[in-house]
Amino acid sequence: MRRLKLFLSVAAVFGLLWVLHRFLPVQHNPFRALDLTAPIGLATYGNLTDFKYDSALCQRKLSEAGVEFTVLAPDDPGSRCALGETLSLSKSLTPYNASPLRMSCHELAALYLWERNVARPLAEKTFGSPLRQIETYGTYSCRNIAGTKQRSQHAYANAIDISGFVLEDGRRISVRDHWRGRDDYGKYLTKVHKGACRLFSVTLGPDYNAAHADHFHLDMGSTESCK
């Protein structure tokens, strides 16, 4: 009898897992590979971490989503801040003011999801105008975190600094000028910052410290923070 109960319990668990795998929408399903064209869901952040360990899968999913990039070979191991294989962004949903943007694959995947599901739809909803450009201070930079001896995630091509947004109608939303404003500009920045926290491991803005007074720092490092 005990063996029968154990068998039935195990069968029920596997049955439940099969149902979840078969019918749960991909954005909520932790057992399926992330679809970058799907909405953000319960499993999105967790599935993004799979891309850290499976570059081929990450690159395939980016290509399926229409992201264009060049694969960069690893640096000379003897060079300062030598990187492994990284990507150079050629084309995403929104042009960036700085190029080239060199990133790890999972950083680019998180950035694309943020563009697609947060920055772009919020711009149209808030201002009635699409995004024309995202302004950035760049991605890869061989340096430490300001005031410390610890390497920044920028040194691993695993971070991007976002300083502002330009709408198709010419209006510009600046992190430095409009953060925490009570108008639509400030509300937009608050929402895109909050949305980034759902996707990136670390999201830092002007409220974090003076060094971030004019940009959002978004990275896919090993720690988690939303400030």
Protein backbone atom coordinates (compact mmCIF):
# COMPACT_ATOMS: atom_id res chain seq x y z
CA MET A 1 0.00 0.00 0.00
CA ARG A 2 2.80 2.42 0.86
CA ARG A 3 4.51 1.71 -2.47
CA LEU A 4 1.25 2.32 -4.30
CA LYS A 5 0.76 5.66 -2.53
CA LEU A 6 4.34 6.65 -3.32
CA PHE A 7 3.87 5.68 -6.96
CA LEU A 8 0.65 7.66 -7.24
CA SER A 9 2.26 10.70 -5.60
CA VAL A 10 5.21 10.60 -7.99
CA ALA A 11 2.89 10.11 -10.96
CA ALA A 12 0.79 13.09 -9.85
CA VAL A 13 3.87 15.31 -9.59
CA PHE A 14 5.12 14.31 -13.03
CA GLY A 15 1.62 14.73 -14.43
CA LEU A 16 1.41 18.24 -13.03
CA LEU A 17 4.84 19.12 -14.44
CA TRP A 18 3.79 17.83 -17.87
CA VAL A 19 0.60 19.89 -17.82
CA LEU A 20 2.53 22.99 -16.80
CA HIS A 21 5.12 22.42 -19.50
CA ARG A 22 2.49 21.76 -22.16
CA PHE A 23 -0.09 24.45 -21.47
CA LEU A 24 1.52 27.25 -19.43
CA PRO A 25 2.27 30.36 -21.56
CA VAL A 26 5.97 30.55 -22.38
CA GLN A 27 6.51 33.78 -20.38
CA HIS A 28 5.28 31.99 -17.23
CA ASN A 29 6.92 28.62 -17.91
CA PRO A 30 10.28 28.02 -16.20
CA PHE A 31 10.76 24.76 -18.12
CA ARG A 32 10.80 26.30 -21.60
CA ALA A 33 13.40 28.42 -23.35
CA LEU A 34 12.69 32.14 -23.20
CA ASP A 35 10.86 33.64 -26.18
CA LEU A 36 12.07 37.23 -26.56
CA THR A 37 8.92 38.19 -28.48
CA ALA A 38 6.61 37.11 -25.64
CA PRO A 39 5.39 39.50 -22.93
CA ILE A 40 7.24 39.70 -19.62
CA GLY A 41 5.97 37.00 -17.30
CA LEU A 42 6.64 35.15 -14.07
CA ALA A 43 9.45 33.07 -15.59
CA THR A 44 11.10 35.75 -17.74
CA TYR A 45 13.81 36.85 -15.33
CA GLY A 46 14.68 33.31 -14.30
CA ASN A 47 14.86 32.13 -17.91
CA LEU A 48 17.09 35.07 -18.81
CA THR A 49 19.72 33.62 -16.49
CA ASP A 50 19.81 30.48 -18.65
CA PHE A 51 21.32 32.61 -21.40
CA LYS A 52 24.35 33.30 -19.21
CA TYR A 53 25.35 29.66 -19.58
CA ASP A 54 24.10 28.93 -23.11
CA SER A 55 25.41 31.49 -25.57
CA ALA A 56 24.22 29.52 -28.61
CA LEU A 57 20.64 29.48 -27.32
CA CYS A 58 20.84 33.18 -26.45
CA GLN A 59 22.10 34.13 -29.91
CA ARG A 60 19.46 31.99 -31.60
CA LYS A 61 16.66 33.61 -29.62
CA LEU A 62 17.98 37.10 -30.41
CA SER A 63 18.08 36.25 -34.12
CA GLU A 64 14.55 34.85 -33.99
CA ALA A 65 13.41 38.15 -32.46
CA GLY A 66 14.98 40.12 -35.32
CA VAL A 67 17.93 41.56 -33.39
CA GLU A 68 20.98 42.02 -35.62
CA PHE A 69 24.45 41.63 -34.13
CA THR A 70 28.02 40.62 -34.86
CA VAL A 71 29.73 37.97 -32.77
CA LEU A 72 33.07 39.23 -31.47
CA ALA A 73 35.82 36.72 -30.82
CA PRO A 74 37.39 36.53 -27.35
CA ASP A 75 40.10 39.04 -26.54
CA ASP A 76 43.75 38.16 -26.16
CA PRO A 77 43.89 36.55 -22.69
CA GLY A 78 46.81 38.76 -21.76
CA SER A 79 45.00 42.01 -22.42
CA ARG A 80 43.54 44.14 -19.62
CA CYS A 81 39.86 43.29 -18.92
CA ALA A 82 40.03 40.51 -21.51
CA LEU A 83 36.56 39.37 -22.53
CA GLY A 84 35.26 36.10 -23.83
CA GLU A 85 32.88 35.98 -26.78
CA THR A 86 30.62 39.04 -26.85
CA LEU A 87 28.18 40.68 -29.27
CA SER A 88 28.24 44.00 -31.07
CA LEU A 89 24.71 45.32 -31.53
CA SER A 90 23.91 46.28 -35.13
CA LYS A 91 20.13 46.75 -35.02
CA SER A 92 17.44 46.46 -32.39
CA LEU A 93 13.95 47.92 -32.17
CA THR A 94 15.29 51.37 -31.32
CA PRO A 95 18.48 53.11 -32.52
CA TYR A 96 21.04 54.13 -29.91
CA ASN A 97 23.07 57.32 -30.08
CA ALA A 98 26.35 55.52 -29.31
CA SER A 99 27.91 52.71 -31.31
CA PRO A 100 29.21 50.14 -31.37
CA LEU A 101 27.60 48.71 -28.26
CA ARG A 102 29.55 45.67 -27.08
CA MET A 103 27.62 43.43 -24.70
CA SER A 104 27.34 39.95 -23.31
CA CYS A 105 24.53 38.05 -24.96
CA HIS A 106 22.30 37.90 -21.87
CA GLU A 107 22.75 41.65 -21.31
CA LEU A 108 21.59 42.31 -24.87
CA ALA A 109 18.64 39.95 -24.40
CA ALA A 110 17.52 41.80 -21.27
CA LEU A 111 17.96 45.14 -23.05
CA TYR A 112 15.83 43.99 -25.97
CA LEU A 113 13.05 42.83 -23.64
CA TRP A 114 13.17 46.16 -21.84
CA GLU A 115 12.93 48.07 -25.12
CA ARG A 116 10.10 45.93 -26.43
CA ASN A 117 7.96 45.63 -23.33
CA VAL A 118 8.78 48.73 -21.29
CA ALA A 119 10.48 51.71 -22.95
CA ARG A 120 8.68 51.67 -26.30
CA PRO A 121 5.07 50.97 -25.27
CA LEU A 122 5.30 53.38 -22.34
CA ALA A 123 6.49 56.15 -24.66
CA GLU A 124 3.49 55.75 -26.94
CA LYS A 125 1.10 55.45 -24.01
CA THR A 126 2.52 58.44 -22.13
CA PHE A 127 3.36 60.83 -24.96
CA GLY A 128 1.43 59.53 -27.95
CA SER A 129 4.71 59.34 -29.87
CA PRO A 130 7.05 56.42 -30.64
CA LEU A 131 10.66 56.37 -29.51
CA ARG A 132 13.14 57.59 -32.12
CA GLN A 133 16.33 57.01 -30.13
CA ILE A 134 17.65 55.81 -26.79
CA GLU A 135 20.59 57.81 -25.44
CA THR A 136 23.38 55.91 -23.72
CA TYR A 137 26.83 56.52 -22.28
CA GLY A 138 27.86 53.11 -23.56
CA THR A 139 28.41 49.55 -22.40
CA TYR A 140 31.93 48.13 -22.28
CA SER A 141 34.51 50.07 -20.27
CA CYS A 142 37.55 48.53 -18.59
CA ARG A 143 37.22 50.20 -15.19
CA ASN A 144 36.37 49.71 -11.54
CA ILE A 145 33.24 50.80 -9.72
CA ALA A 146 33.80 54.45 -8.84
CA GLY A 147 35.68 54.80 -5.55
CA THR A 148 36.39 51.06 -5.19
CA LYS A 149 38.87 48.40 -6.26
CA GLN A 150 36.06 46.18 -7.56
CA ARG A 151 35.58 45.71 -11.27
CA SER A 152 32.45 47.30 -12.70
CA GLN A 153 30.08 45.13 -14.72
CA HIS A 154 30.98 47.46 -17.56
CA ALA A 155 34.41 45.82 -17.53
CA TYR A 156 32.67 42.56 -18.48
CA ALA A 157 30.50 44.16 -21.20
CA ASN A 158 27.65 43.25 -18.91
CA ALA A 159 26.08 46.67 -18.31
CA ILE A 160 24.67 49.69 -20.11
CA ASP A 161 24.11 53.28 -18.94
CA ILE A 162 20.92 54.93 -20.22
CA SER A 163 20.85 58.74 -20.09
CA GLY A 164 17.72 59.67 -21.98
CA PHE A 165 15.13 59.11 -24.68
CA VAL A 166 14.17 61.01 -27.84
CA LEU A 167 10.65 60.80 -29.25
CA GLU A 168 9.73 60.83 -32.93
CA ASP A 169 8.15 64.27 -32.45
CA GLY A 170 11.50 65.62 -31.21
CA ARG A 171 10.85 65.79 -27.48
CA ARG A 172 13.70 64.59 -25.25
CA ILE A 173 13.37 62.94 -21.85
CA SER A 174 16.54 63.33 -19.80
CA VAL A 175 17.38 61.36 -16.66
CA ARG A 176 19.39 64.30 -15.34
CA ASP A 177 16.69 66.91 -15.99
CA HIS A 178 13.43 65.04 -15.50
CA TRP A 179 13.97 62.32 -12.87
CA ARG A 180 11.25 62.46 -10.20
CA GLY A 181 9.46 65.26 -12.01
CA ARG A 182 5.71 65.38 -11.49
CA ASP A 183 5.00 65.81 -15.19
CA ASP A 184 4.79 63.07 -17.84
CA TYR A 185 8.57 63.16 -18.33
CA GLY A 186 9.23 62.27 -14.72
CA LYS A 187 6.47 59.67 -14.62
CA TYR A 188 7.86 58.01 -17.73
CA LEU A 189 11.35 57.75 -16.25
CA THR A 190 9.99 56.30 -13.01
CA LYS A 191 8.11 53.62 -14.94
CA VAL A 192 10.96 52.63 -17.25
CA HIS A 193 13.26 52.38 -14.21
CA LYS A 194 10.74 50.18 -12.41
CA GLY A 195 10.29 48.06 -15.53
CA ALA A 196 14.03 47.55 -15.80
CA CYS A 197 14.05 46.12 -12.28
CA ARG A 198 11.93 43.21 -13.54
CA LEU A 199 14.53 42.23 -16.13
CA PHE A 200 18.03 43.27 -15.07
CA SER A 201 19.89 41.93 -12.06
CA VAL A 202 20.90 45.46 -11.07
CA THR A 203 19.05 48.69 -11.87
CA LEU A 204 20.51 51.88 -10.41
CA GLY A 205 19.32 55.44 -10.90
CA PRO A 206 19.75 58.94 -9.47
CA ASP A 207 18.33 57.89 -6.10
CA TYR A 208 21.24 55.46 -5.63
CA ASN A 209 24.09 57.99 -5.46
CA ALA A 210 25.48 61.12 -7.08
CA ALA A 211 27.47 59.09 -9.61
CA HIS A 212 24.17 58.01 -11.17
CA ALA A 213 22.52 61.43 -11.19
CA ASP A 214 22.31 61.51 -14.97
CA HIS A 215 21.69 57.91 -16.01
CA PHE A 216 20.25 54.48 -15.27
CA HIS A 217 22.80 51.70 -14.84
CA LEU A 218 21.37 48.35 -16.02
CA ASP A 219 23.42 45.18 -15.65
CA MET A 220 23.12 41.42 -15.58
CA GLY A 221 25.73 40.69 -12.93
CA SER A 222 25.60 38.13 -10.14
CA THR A 223 24.08 40.44 -7.51
CA GLU A 224 20.54 41.85 -7.41
CA SER A 225 19.55 45.43 -6.63
CA CYS A 226 16.86 47.91 -7.64
CA LYS A 227 17.55 51.46 -6.49
